[in-house]
Amino acid sequence: MVEKNRAMLDRANAMMKELIKWRRYLHMHPELSFQEVQTSKFVTEVLEKIPGMRVEKGIGFPTAVVGTLSSGSGPTIAIRADMDALPIQEENNHHYISRHKGVMHACGHDAHTAICLGVASLLGDIFQGDKMHGTVKFLFQPAEEMADIAGSTGAQYMIKAGVLDDVDYIMALHMSPENPLGEVKMHDGYSMANVDVFAATVYGTGGHGAYPHLGTDPVWMLGPVLQSLHGIVARRVSPLEAAVISIGSIHSGSASNVIPSEIEVKGTIRSYHPDVRKKLHAELGKAFSVVEIFNGDYQLTITPEDPALKNDAKVNHHIKRVINDLHPDFTILETAFGLGGEDFAHMTQAVPGAMFFLGCAVEDGITRDLHTPNFDIDEQVLPVGVSILAEAARRYLLDHEAD
């Protein structure tokens, strides 16, 4: 096993220059959700050079790409990488800064894609040289960051197209700039949040600002609604449960002397457990119903986006053993990932799967969080990610063969 471990690490490390080249190209040419045309083309071109790789384009969405290595028999494992960027203007100074104004890979999807291409290349060689029994599918997914007008993300479109129908389990990784290289975050069960968006309108009659007593004022009505809303998590949900309700937008009125007839409120709801999610939805409705006491009315819409990411314990255990064997000096932090959302959760609802976070902090004393203009990674993380995912896939196929 030690020799096999060393061989996998050596192969991954030997790809370092190629991985950096791919990642930097992708970083320089970011594309927003559902617009990953050139990214998809680049991924396709790399995959098509791998011996034995079958490449399918447009699975579920025009920019989706699926690469498949198969011996024709045995189990099927999938590895997912997201490809889209964010509407952020980059503020870094390196020479491979984004060339697309107002668009940036600020969440590490360029690294995710480069790593998945590396795993595909490495396993392509192994499939050619060793007698592997089974199938590995490489899912290059568009639109993780944003849902479309129909409320669907890239993962949902690919699932609907049947990309997971033959998959036994699925893996994915994510960059973690808050952790240094050598730290890995893993967690069994619910690990990232259900994500719901709410939009509400509170209605009154409005009127002249000098004569408020002649009408009903939705701005005034919103005061007790906000108090009730912010008390939901504090007083209606157990302190032991993860839950957040946050308001991100309040809009009303157009003139200083006119009481508006309506006020719009938008926000986000986050939770882990499905029962808590249902409770938050119900309590939100009660909070807005307070306006009826003041002769007002309201309309509330709650739109579900991503479900909670639920990591399968068996898949995590398999990945953890690989990390301990390949990188025995690494520290595994068994902690939930927070209340951010991740559309990979749709995939782990469909088949057993797990996502882990790889520490990638640039050791320069600057805070470089996800979704910020100065986000960056320590590129030494690239072969680390390749080695873990490639070895986890290889062992899964071999272990199944031994059974």
Protein backbone atom coordinates (compact mmCIF):
# COMPACT_ATOMS: atom_id res chain seq x y z
CA MET A 1 0.00 0.00 0.00
CA VAL A 2 2.86 2.38 0.77
CA GLU A 3 4.27 1.91 -2.74
CA LYS A 4 0.82 2.50 -4.29
CA ASN A 5 0.41 5.63 -2.19
CA ARG A 6 3.79 6.92 -3.28
CA ALA A 7 3.02 6.16 -6.91
CA MET A 8 -0.25 8.10 -6.80
CA LEU A 9 1.38 11.07 -5.09
CA ASP A 10 4.25 11.05 -7.57
CA ARG A 11 1.85 10.96 -10.50
CA ALA A 12 -0.22 13.82 -9.10
CA ASN A 13 2.83 15.94 -8.25
CA ALA A 14 4.25 15.36 -11.73
CA MET A 15 1.15 17.13 -13.12
CA MET A 16 1.82 20.31 -11.14
CA LYS A 17 2.79 22.52 -14.09
CA GLU A 18 -0.16 21.29 -16.15
CA LEU A 19 -2.60 21.82 -13.28
CA ILE A 20 -1.35 25.36 -12.71
CA LYS A 21 -1.58 26.12 -16.43
CA TRP A 22 -5.18 24.87 -16.59
CA ARG A 23 -6.22 26.66 -13.42
CA ARG A 24 -4.70 29.98 -14.50
CA TYR A 25 -6.24 29.79 -17.96
CA LEU A 26 -9.64 29.22 -16.39
CA HIS A 27 -9.02 32.00 -13.87
CA MET A 28 -8.22 34.44 -16.67
CA HIS A 29 -11.36 33.50 -18.61
CA PRO A 30 -14.21 33.25 -16.06
CA GLU A 31 -17.81 32.91 -17.18
CA LEU A 32 -21.02 33.42 -15.22
CA SER A 33 -23.64 30.77 -14.46
CA PHE A 34 -25.26 29.26 -17.58
CA GLN A 35 -22.74 31.16 -19.76
CA GLU A 36 -19.76 28.76 -19.51
CA VAL A 37 -19.35 28.39 -23.29
CA GLN A 38 -15.57 28.78 -23.57
CA THR A 39 -14.98 26.95 -20.28
CA SER A 40 -17.01 24.02 -21.57
CA LYS A 41 -15.04 24.05 -24.83
CA PHE A 42 -11.72 24.07 -22.95
CA VAL A 43 -12.78 21.17 -20.72
CA THR A 44 -13.96 19.19 -23.73
CA GLU A 45 -10.66 19.71 -25.56
CA VAL A 46 -8.63 18.46 -22.58
CA LEU A 47 -10.87 15.43 -22.03
CA GLU A 48 -10.79 14.44 -25.70
CA LYS A 49 -7.00 14.05 -25.51
CA ILE A 50 -7.26 11.38 -22.80
CA PRO A 51 -7.08 7.83 -24.22
CA GLY A 52 -10.24 5.83 -23.60
CA MET A 53 -12.27 8.86 -22.52
CA ARG A 54 -15.82 9.17 -23.83
CA VAL A 55 -16.95 12.79 -23.87
CA GLU A 56 -20.58 13.92 -23.90
CA LYS A 57 -21.61 17.55 -24.22
CA GLY A 58 -24.85 19.25 -23.33
CA ILE A 59 -26.11 16.69 -20.78
CA GLY A 60 -29.01 18.55 -19.21
CA PHE A 61 -27.68 21.97 -20.24
CA PRO A 62 -25.66 23.11 -23.30
CA THR A 63 -22.50 23.93 -21.31
CA ALA A 64 -22.44 20.73 -19.22
CA VAL A 65 -19.70 18.20 -20.01
CA VAL A 66 -19.44 14.57 -18.92
CA GLY A 67 -16.31 12.48 -19.38
CA THR A 68 -16.45 8.71 -18.83
CA LEU A 69 -13.75 6.08 -18.36
CA SER A 70 -15.08 2.54 -18.26
CA SER A 71 -14.00 -1.08 -18.46
CA GLY A 72 -17.55 -2.04 -19.31
CA SER A 73 -18.29 -3.81 -16.03
CA GLY A 74 -18.25 -3.10 -12.32
CA PRO A 75 -19.47 -0.18 -10.17
CA THR A 76 -19.74 3.46 -11.19
CA ILE A 77 -18.34 6.38 -9.25
CA ALA A 78 -18.74 10.05 -10.18
CA ILE A 79 -16.58 13.09 -9.48
CA ARG A 80 -18.17 16.50 -9.83
CA ALA A 81 -16.55 19.87 -10.56
CA ASP A 82 -18.42 23.17 -10.90
CA MET A 83 -17.27 25.59 -13.61
CA ASP A 84 -19.04 28.94 -13.19
CA ALA A 85 -17.65 32.21 -11.83
CA LEU A 86 -19.14 35.15 -9.91
CA PRO A 87 -20.09 38.76 -10.82
CA ILE A 88 -17.15 40.24 -8.89
CA GLN A 89 -14.42 42.61 -10.09
CA GLU A 90 -11.06 41.05 -9.24
CA GLU A 91 -8.62 43.11 -7.14
CA ASN A 92 -5.57 40.81 -7.20
CA ASN A 93 -2.28 41.82 -8.81
CA HIS A 94 -0.99 38.51 -10.19
CA HIS A 95 -0.36 38.25 -13.93
CA TYR A 96 -3.26 35.83 -14.51
CA ILE A 97 -5.95 38.20 -13.23
CA SER A 98 -9.42 37.88 -14.79
CA ARG A 99 -9.64 39.33 -18.28
CA HIS A 100 -13.41 39.65 -18.08
CA LYS A 101 -14.47 42.88 -16.40
CA GLY A 102 -16.76 42.33 -13.44
CA VAL A 103 -16.43 38.53 -13.54
CA MET A 104 -14.10 36.48 -11.35
CA HIS A 105 -13.43 32.97 -10.10
CA ALA A 106 -13.84 33.99 -6.47
CA CYS A 107 -15.04 30.63 -5.16
CA GLY A 108 -12.34 28.29 -6.44
CA HIS A 109 -14.29 26.73 -9.30
CA ASP A 110 -11.27 27.23 -11.55
CA ALA A 111 -9.30 25.03 -9.14
CA HIS A 112 -12.14 22.49 -8.88
CA THR A 113 -12.24 22.18 -12.67
CA ALA A 114 -8.46 21.93 -13.05
CA ILE A 115 -8.28 19.26 -10.32
CA CYS A 116 -11.06 17.22 -11.95
CA LEU A 117 -9.24 17.42 -15.29
CA GLY A 118 -6.11 16.22 -13.50
CA VAL A 119 -7.97 13.28 -11.96
CA ALA A 120 -9.40 12.40 -15.38
CA SER A 121 -5.95 12.48 -16.99
CA LEU A 122 -4.33 10.44 -14.24
CA LEU A 123 -7.08 7.81 -14.14
CA GLY A 124 -7.06 7.67 -17.92
CA ASP A 125 -3.45 6.44 -17.73
CA ILE A 126 -4.34 3.94 -14.99
CA PHE A 127 -7.29 2.56 -16.97
CA GLN A 128 -4.94 2.03 -19.93
CA GLY A 129 -2.25 0.31 -17.88
CA ASP A 130 -4.13 -1.55 -15.14
CA LYS A 131 -7.09 -3.86 -15.27
CA MET A 132 -9.64 -1.60 -13.65
CA HIS A 133 -13.17 -2.96 -13.33
CA GLY A 134 -15.82 -0.29 -13.32
CA THR A 135 -16.61 3.23 -14.47
CA VAL A 136 -15.59 6.72 -13.40
CA LYS A 137 -17.70 9.65 -14.59
CA PHE A 138 -16.37 13.22 -14.50
CA LEU A 139 -19.21 15.72 -14.20
CA PHE A 140 -18.26 19.25 -15.23
CA GLN A 141 -21.28 21.19 -14.05
CA PRO A 142 -22.44 24.67 -15.01
CA ALA A 143 -24.32 27.09 -12.79
CA GLU A 144 -23.59 26.17 -9.20
CA GLU A 145 -23.67 29.77 -8.04
CA MET A 146 -27.02 30.83 -9.42
CA ALA A 147 -30.42 29.41 -10.29
CA ASP A 148 -32.16 30.44 -13.49
CA ILE A 149 -35.60 32.00 -13.85
CA ALA A 150 -37.13 28.55 -13.41
CA GLY A 151 -35.34 28.17 -10.06
CA SER A 152 -33.00 25.41 -11.23
CA THR A 153 -29.23 25.18 -10.99
CA GLY A 154 -26.79 23.18 -13.10
CA ALA A 155 -26.88 20.17 -10.79
CA GLN A 156 -30.65 19.87 -11.11
CA TYR A 157 -30.54 20.00 -14.91
CA MET A 158 -27.86 17.31 -15.07
CA ILE A 159 -29.73 15.08 -12.63
CA LYS A 160 -32.95 15.44 -14.63
CA ALA A 161 -31.00 14.39 -17.74
CA GLY A 162 -30.10 11.12 -15.98
CA VAL A 163 -26.40 11.71 -15.37
CA LEU A 164 -26.58 9.97 -11.98
CA ASP A 165 -28.90 7.12 -12.95
CA ASP A 166 -26.07 4.57 -13.07
CA VAL A 167 -23.88 6.10 -10.32
CA ASP A 168 -23.20 4.23 -7.06
CA TYR A 169 -21.65 7.18 -5.26
CA ILE A 170 -20.31 10.63 -5.95
CA MET A 171 -17.49 12.82 -4.59
CA ALA A 172 -16.61 16.52 -4.77
CA LEU A 173 -14.17 18.87 -3.13
CA HIS A 174 -14.19 22.59 -2.37
CA MET A 175 -11.49 25.15 -1.70
CA SER A 176 -11.28 26.49 1.87
CA PRO A 177 -9.26 29.74 2.01
CA GLU A 178 -9.81 30.05 5.76
CA ASN A 179 -7.72 26.92 6.33
CA PRO A 180 -4.02 26.45 5.52
CA LEU A 181 -2.73 23.77 3.18
CA GLY A 182 -2.68 20.55 5.17
CA GLU A 183 -6.08 21.01 6.83
CA VAL A 184 -9.20 19.24 5.53
CA LYS A 185 -12.77 19.80 6.68
CA MET A 186 -15.03 16.74 6.63
CA HIS A 187 -18.41 16.14 8.24
CA ASP A 188 -21.00 13.35 8.29
CA GLY A 189 -24.66 14.20 7.78
CA TYR A 190 -26.02 17.71 7.27
CA SER A 191 -23.00 19.92 6.59
CA MET A 192 -24.26 22.92 4.57
CA ALA A 193 -27.61 24.66 4.63
CA ASN A 194 -30.99 24.44 3.04
CA VAL A 195 -31.24 27.69 1.11
CA ASP A 196 -34.58 29.43 0.65
CA VAL A 197 -35.30 32.92 -0.61
CA PHE A 198 -38.31 34.90 0.55
CA ALA A 199 -39.99 37.95 -0.95
CA ALA A 200 -42.80 39.76 0.82
CA THR A 201 -44.90 42.83 0.12
CA VAL A 202 -46.74 44.63 2.92
CA TYR A 203 -49.74 46.66 1.73
CA GLY A 204 -51.42 49.74 3.22
CA THR A 205 -53.34 52.59 1.69
CA GLY A 206 -50.54 55.13 1.75
CA GLY A 207 -51.32 58.84 1.79
CA HIS A 208 -49.99 62.34 2.33
CA GLY A 209 -47.03 62.53 4.71
CA ALA A 210 -48.71 65.42 6.55
CA TYR A 211 -51.89 63.41 7.27
CA PRO A 212 -50.80 59.88 8.32
CA HIS A 213 -53.98 59.38 10.36
CA LEU A 214 -56.08 59.36 7.19
CA GLY A 215 -54.51 56.18 5.81
CA THR A 216 -52.55 53.09 6.73
CA ASP A 217 -48.77 53.10 6.63
CA PRO A 218 -46.96 49.89 5.55
CA VAL A 219 -43.59 51.30 6.64
CA TRP A 220 -44.86 51.66 10.20
CA MET A 221 -46.43 48.19 10.04
CA LEU A 222 -43.08 46.69 9.09
CA GLY A 223 -41.61 47.64 12.50
CA PRO A 224 -43.39 44.95 14.54
CA VAL A 225 -42.95 42.50 11.63
CA LEU A 226 -39.18 42.93 11.83
CA GLN A 227 -39.22 42.42 15.59
CA SER A 228 -41.23 39.25 15.17
CA LEU A 229 -39.10 38.02 12.29
CA HIS A 230 -35.80 38.48 14.08
CA GLY A 231 -37.21 36.71 17.12
CA ILE A 232 -38.01 33.51 15.20
CA VAL A 233 -34.54 32.00 15.41
CA ALA A 234 -33.95 33.28 18.94
CA ARG A 235 -37.25 32.12 20.44
CA ARG A 236 -39.04 29.70 18.11
CA VAL A 237 -36.15 27.38 17.13
CA SER A 238 -34.08 25.25 19.50
CA PRO A 239 -30.64 26.76 20.22
CA LEU A 240 -29.21 23.35 19.29
CA GLU A 241 -30.45 23.64 15.71
CA ALA A 242 -28.75 25.59 12.91
CA ALA A 243 -31.05 28.33 11.60
CA VAL A 244 -30.81 31.84 10.15
CA ILE A 245 -33.29 34.34 8.73
CA SER A 246 -31.68 37.46 7.27
CA ILE A 247 -33.16 40.43 5.43
CA GLY A 248 -31.10 41.63 2.51
CA SER A 249 -33.37 44.19 0.89
CA ILE A 250 -36.13 46.65 1.88
CA HIS A 251 -37.61 48.99 -0.74
CA SER A 252 -40.46 51.48 -0.60
CA GLY A 253 -41.58 54.93 -1.63
CA SER A 254 -40.40 57.59 -4.04
CA ALA A 255 -40.94 60.94 -2.35
CA SER A 256 -40.25 62.42 1.08
CA ASN A 257 -43.81 63.64 1.66
CA VAL A 258 -45.71 60.61 0.38
CA ILE A 259 -46.53 57.62 2.58
CA PRO A 260 -46.14 54.65 0.21
CA SER A 261 -48.90 52.13 -0.28
CA GLU A 262 -46.56 49.14 -0.14
CA ILE A 263 -43.12 48.04 1.00
CA GLU A 264 -41.08 45.15 -0.38
CA VAL A 265 -38.85 42.94 1.75
CA LYS A 266 -36.45 40.23 0.53
CA GLY A 267 -34.21 37.88 2.45
CA THR A 268 -32.74 34.43 2.91
CA ILE A 269 -33.61 31.46 5.13
CA ARG A 270 -30.95 28.92 6.13
CA SER A 271 -31.27 25.68 8.07
CA TYR A 272 -29.94 22.12 8.24
CA HIS A 273 -32.77 19.80 9.27
CA PRO A 274 -35.93 19.52 7.11
CA ASP A 275 -38.19 19.92 10.18
CA VAL A 276 -36.47 23.19 11.09
CA ARG A 277 -36.84 24.34 7.51
CA LYS A 278 -40.61 23.75 7.66
CA LYS A 279 -40.87 25.55 11.01
CA LEU A 280 -39.00 28.61 9.71
CA HIS A 281 -41.37 28.83 6.74
CA ALA A 282 -44.44 28.65 8.99
CA GLU A 283 -43.10 31.18 11.51
CA LEU A 284 -42.16 33.61 8.74
CA GLY A 285 -45.79 33.64 7.62
CA LYS A 286 -46.92 34.35 11.19
CA ALA A 287 -44.45 37.25 11.46
CA PHE A 288 -45.84 38.98 8.38
CA SER A 289 -49.44 38.33 9.42
CA VAL A 290 -48.92 40.85 12.23
CA VAL A 291 -49.76 43.61 9.71
CA GLU A 292 -53.38 42.44 9.64
CA ILE A 293 -53.80 43.77 13.19
CA PHE A 294 -53.04 47.25 11.79
CA ASN A 295 -55.51 46.93 8.88
CA GLY A 296 -52.77 46.02 6.47
CA ASP A 297 -52.27 43.06 4.18
CA TYR A 298 -49.30 41.12 2.89
CA GLN A 299 -48.15 38.67 0.27
CA LEU A 300 -45.29 36.26 1.02
CA THR A 301 -43.46 33.97 -1.40
CA ILE A 302 -40.83 31.47 -0.27
CA THR A 303 -38.71 29.95 -3.04
CA PRO A 304 -36.60 26.87 -2.21
CA GLU A 305 -33.17 26.84 -3.82
CA ASP A 306 -30.67 24.26 -2.55
CA PRO A 307 -31.42 21.50 -0.04
CA ALA A 308 -29.04 20.90 2.85
CA LEU A 309 -25.85 19.12 1.87
CA LYS A 310 -25.99 15.69 3.50
CA ASN A 311 -22.67 13.86 3.43
CA ASP A 312 -22.82 10.07 3.47
CA ALA A 313 -20.79 8.66 6.38
CA LYS A 314 -19.55 5.65 4.39
CA VAL A 315 -18.32 7.78 1.51
CA ASN A 316 -16.63 10.13 3.97
CA HIS A 317 -14.96 7.19 5.72
CA HIS A 318 -13.58 5.97 2.41
CA ILE A 319 -12.18 9.40 1.53
CA LYS A 320 -10.80 9.88 5.04
CA ARG A 321 -8.81 6.62 4.84
CA VAL A 322 -7.31 7.77 1.55
CA ILE A 323 -6.30 11.14 3.03
CA ASN A 324 -4.73 9.47 6.09
CA ASP A 325 -2.75 7.09 3.87
CA LEU A 326 -1.60 9.58 1.24
CA HIS A 327 -1.15 12.61 3.50
CA PRO A 328 -0.60 11.30 7.07
CA ASP A 329 0.60 14.72 8.23
CA PHE A 330 -2.70 16.39 7.29
CA THR A 331 -5.20 17.43 9.95
CA ILE A 332 -8.80 16.42 9.39
CA LEU A 333 -11.27 18.81 11.05
CA GLU A 334 -14.58 17.06 11.59
CA THR A 335 -16.85 20.05 11.61
CA ALA A 336 -19.90 21.23 9.66
CA PHE A 337 -19.14 23.67 6.86
CA GLY A 338 -21.52 26.45 7.90
CA LEU A 339 -24.79 27.88 6.61
CA GLY A 340 -23.65 28.55 3.07
CA GLY A 341 -25.44 26.71 0.28
CA GLU A 342 -24.09 24.24 -2.27
CA ASP A 343 -26.07 22.75 -5.15
CA PHE A 344 -24.01 19.55 -4.91
CA ALA A 345 -26.64 18.81 -2.24
CA HIS A 346 -29.06 17.90 -5.04
CA MET A 347 -26.64 15.20 -6.12
CA THR A 348 -26.18 13.75 -2.63
CA GLN A 349 -29.97 13.58 -2.38
CA ALA A 350 -29.99 11.42 -5.49
CA VAL A 351 -27.08 9.08 -4.66
CA PRO A 352 -24.74 8.58 -1.66
CA GLY A 353 -21.97 11.15 -1.79
CA ALA A 354 -19.76 13.54 0.09
CA MET A 355 -17.93 16.82 -0.29
CA PHE A 356 -14.81 17.81 1.62
CA PHE A 357 -13.06 21.18 1.95
CA LEU A 358 -9.33 21.47 1.28
CA GLY A 359 -7.32 24.17 3.02
CA CYS A 360 -5.76 26.43 0.40
CA ALA A 361 -4.89 29.68 2.22
CA VAL A 362 -2.17 31.85 0.70
CA GLU A 363 0.28 32.43 3.54
CA ASP A 364 0.73 36.18 2.99
CA GLY A 365 -1.15 37.55 5.99
CA ILE A 366 -4.06 38.77 3.85
CA THR A 367 -7.59 37.50 4.44
CA ARG A 368 -8.88 36.00 1.19
CA ASP A 369 -12.38 34.70 1.83
CA LEU A 370 -14.69 33.00 -0.65
CA HIS A 371 -16.71 35.42 -2.80
CA THR A 372 -14.34 38.35 -2.25
CA PRO A 373 -12.43 40.41 -4.87
CA ASN A 374 -9.02 39.25 -3.60
CA PHE A 375 -9.78 35.53 -3.31
CA ASP A 376 -6.82 33.34 -4.24
CA ILE A 377 -5.38 29.92 -3.44
CA ASP A 378 -2.06 28.28 -2.68
CA GLU A 379 -1.67 26.32 -5.92
CA GLN A 380 0.14 23.53 -4.07
CA VAL A 381 -3.39 22.36 -3.24
CA LEU A 382 -3.98 21.29 -6.86
CA PRO A 383 -1.98 18.00 -6.89
CA VAL A 384 -3.24 17.31 -3.36
CA GLY A 385 -6.82 17.38 -4.60
CA VAL A 386 -5.92 15.23 -7.61
CA SER A 387 -4.18 12.61 -5.48
CA ILE A 388 -7.10 12.27 -3.04
CA LEU A 389 -9.89 12.02 -5.60
CA ALA A 390 -7.95 9.78 -7.99
CA GLU A 391 -6.89 7.36 -5.26
CA ALA A 392 -10.37 7.32 -3.74
CA ALA A 393 -11.84 6.39 -7.12
CA ARG A 394 -9.14 3.78 -7.84
CA ARG A 395 -9.58 2.10 -4.45
CA TYR A 396 -13.35 2.07 -4.72
CA LEU A 397 -13.17 0.12 -7.97
CA LEU A 398 -10.50 -2.23 -6.64
CA ASP A 399 -12.31 -2.81 -3.34
CA HIS A 400 -15.48 -3.66 -5.19
CA GLU A 401 -13.52 -6.08 -7.39
CA ALA A 402 -12.15 -7.79 -4.28
CA ASP A 403 -15.68 -8.28 -2.95
